[in-house]
Protein backbone atom coordinates (compact mmCIF):
# COMPACT_ATOMS: atom_id res chain seq x y z
CA MET A 1 97.66 94.11 109.58
CA ALA A 2 93.93 94.80 109.76
CA TYR A 3 91.57 95.61 106.90
CA TRP A 4 88.79 98.19 106.72
CA LEU A 5 86.24 99.78 104.42
CA PHE A 6 85.77 103.56 104.15
CA LYS A 7 82.51 104.77 102.59
CA SER A 8 82.18 108.14 100.92
CA GLU A 9 79.64 109.91 98.78
CA PRO A 10 81.53 110.74 95.59
CA SER A 11 79.84 114.14 95.42
CA THR A 12 81.43 114.99 98.80
CA TRP A 13 84.80 113.17 98.62
CA SER A 14 85.58 110.94 95.66
CA TRP A 15 88.28 108.43 94.85
CA ASP A 16 89.77 111.03 92.49
CA ASP A 17 89.91 113.52 95.39
CA GLN A 18 91.64 110.90 97.55
CA GLN A 19 94.21 110.13 94.86
CA THR A 20 95.14 113.80 94.39
CA LYS A 21 96.24 113.95 98.06
CA GLY A 22 99.21 111.71 97.25
CA GLU A 23 101.53 110.39 99.95
CA GLU A 24 100.39 112.90 102.58
CA GLY A 25 96.88 111.48 102.51
CA GLU A 26 93.85 113.12 104.05
CA GLU A 27 91.91 113.03 107.31
CA TRP A 28 88.91 110.75 107.23
CA ASP A 29 86.98 113.40 109.12
CA GLY A 30 83.37 114.17 109.86
CA VAL A 31 82.48 110.71 111.20
CA ARG A 32 79.85 111.14 113.92
CA ASN A 33 79.03 107.54 114.75
CA TYR A 34 80.54 106.01 117.90
CA GLN A 35 81.04 102.55 116.40
CA ALA A 36 82.80 103.95 113.31
CA ARG A 37 84.93 106.20 115.55
CA ASN A 38 85.88 103.24 117.72
CA PHE A 39 86.94 101.29 114.62
CA MET A 40 89.22 104.20 113.65
CA ARG A 41 90.71 104.19 117.16
CA GLN A 42 91.75 100.55 116.54
CA MET A 43 93.55 101.31 113.28
CA LYS A 44 97.32 101.12 113.01
CA LEU A 45 99.79 102.59 110.53
CA GLY A 46 99.89 100.44 107.42
CA ASP A 47 96.42 98.95 107.85
CA ARG A 48 94.71 98.68 104.46
CA GLY A 49 91.20 99.61 103.48
CA PHE A 50 88.80 99.68 100.59
CA PHE A 51 87.52 103.03 99.33
CA TYR A 52 83.81 102.64 98.65
CA HIS A 53 81.65 105.03 96.65
CA SER A 54 78.16 105.12 98.14
CA GLN A 55 74.96 106.64 96.70
CA LYS A 56 74.39 105.71 93.03
CA GLU A 57 77.66 103.93 92.28
CA LYS A 58 77.75 101.64 95.34
CA SER A 59 81.12 100.10 94.48
CA VAL A 60 84.53 99.43 95.94
CA VAL A 61 86.75 101.52 93.67
CA GLY A 62 90.13 101.76 95.37
CA MET A 63 92.56 100.64 98.02
CA VAL A 64 93.88 102.93 100.78
CA GLU A 65 96.37 102.73 103.63
CA VAL A 66 96.22 104.27 107.10
CA CYS A 67 99.03 106.87 107.19
CA ALA A 68 98.20 108.52 110.56
CA GLU A 69 96.62 106.80 113.54
CA SER A 70 93.63 108.10 115.48
CA HIS A 71 93.79 111.78 116.43
CA PRO A 72 91.27 114.58 117.12
CA ASP A 73 89.05 115.37 114.15
CA SER A 74 90.01 118.85 112.93
CA THR A 75 86.45 119.59 111.77
CA THR A 76 85.08 119.85 115.33
CA ASP A 77 86.02 121.10 118.79
CA ASP A 78 84.10 118.20 120.34
CA GLU A 79 86.70 115.97 121.99
CA ARG A 80 84.59 112.85 121.44
CA TRP A 81 85.40 112.67 117.72
CA ASP A 82 88.59 111.26 116.27
CA CYS A 83 89.73 110.35 112.79
CA VAL A 84 92.61 108.71 110.96
CA ASP A 85 94.46 109.84 107.84
CA ILE A 86 94.42 107.62 104.77
CA LYS A 87 96.29 107.69 101.49
CA ALA A 88 95.42 106.12 98.15
CA VAL A 89 97.36 102.97 97.25
CA ARG A 90 95.77 101.98 93.92
CA SER A 91 92.51 101.79 92.02
CA LEU A 92 90.84 98.44 91.67
CA THR A 93 91.34 97.11 88.17
CA ARG A 94 87.60 96.54 88.05
CA PRO A 95 85.24 98.24 90.56
CA VAL A 96 83.31 95.74 92.68
CA SER A 97 79.66 96.63 93.07
CA LEU A 98 77.53 96.11 96.15
CA ALA A 99 75.34 93.84 94.03
CA GLN A 100 78.37 91.63 93.27
CA ILE A 101 79.32 91.53 96.93
CA LYS A 102 75.77 90.66 98.02
CA SER A 103 75.50 87.92 95.39
CA ASP A 104 78.76 86.21 96.38
CA PRO A 105 77.97 83.55 99.01
CA ARG A 106 81.50 83.87 100.42
CA LEU A 107 80.69 87.47 101.47
CA VAL A 108 77.32 86.88 103.14
CA ASP A 109 78.72 87.90 106.56
CA MET A 110 80.62 90.97 105.36
CA ALA A 111 79.83 94.10 107.41
CA LEU A 112 78.98 95.96 104.19
CA VAL A 113 76.16 93.46 103.64
CA LYS A 114 74.96 93.38 107.25
CA SER A 115 75.60 97.01 108.36
CA SER A 116 75.58 98.85 105.09
CA ARG A 117 74.99 102.30 106.64
CA LEU A 118 78.17 102.35 108.75
CA SER A 119 80.77 104.68 107.16
CA VAL A 120 83.83 102.89 108.56
CA GLN A 121 83.75 99.14 109.04
CA PRO A 122 86.06 96.16 109.46
CA VAL A 123 86.85 93.72 106.66
CA THR A 124 88.23 90.26 107.39
CA GLU A 125 91.35 89.04 105.62
CA ALA A 126 89.28 86.46 103.73
CA GLU A 127 86.83 89.18 102.60
CA TRP A 128 89.76 91.39 101.57
CA LEU A 129 91.16 88.64 99.35
CA ILE A 130 87.76 87.85 97.79
CA VAL A 131 86.95 91.49 96.97
CA CYS A 132 90.45 91.93 95.49
CA GLU A 133 89.87 88.79 93.41
CA LEU A 134 86.52 90.14 92.18
CA GLY A 135 88.21 93.45 91.38
CA GLU A 136 91.06 91.69 89.57
CA THR A 137 93.49 93.55 91.84
CA ASP A 138 96.64 92.44 93.68
CA PRO A 139 95.69 92.29 97.39
CA ASN A 140 99.17 93.42 98.52
């Protein structure tokens, strides 16, 4: 299993919006960055990810699972752009802020710290476990 982080502006698509989609999940559409698209093309069913609120909140707030592998993005006719579908798994017991992540020396190499603008990014297993620990949330 691989781990990922999905960033969203809560005013556009929030954790609450994601949770209301239930088991069917929702396309993670509208991504127009080649590196982020390529990460989605690597994703497999069952991969886990963090749901991250950007803008003011800047916190990991939930855990998601890939429920449909890479397919054409329904928001465009441009064949270059793909997306995956994700479904909510659970909220973090305690949201983990970007400030907490940046201040933890174990997370100094995390993509969120180094490439904070990328909307879809990989998370290592060690980083996954640390963020879950900071969020007081079961990593499984």
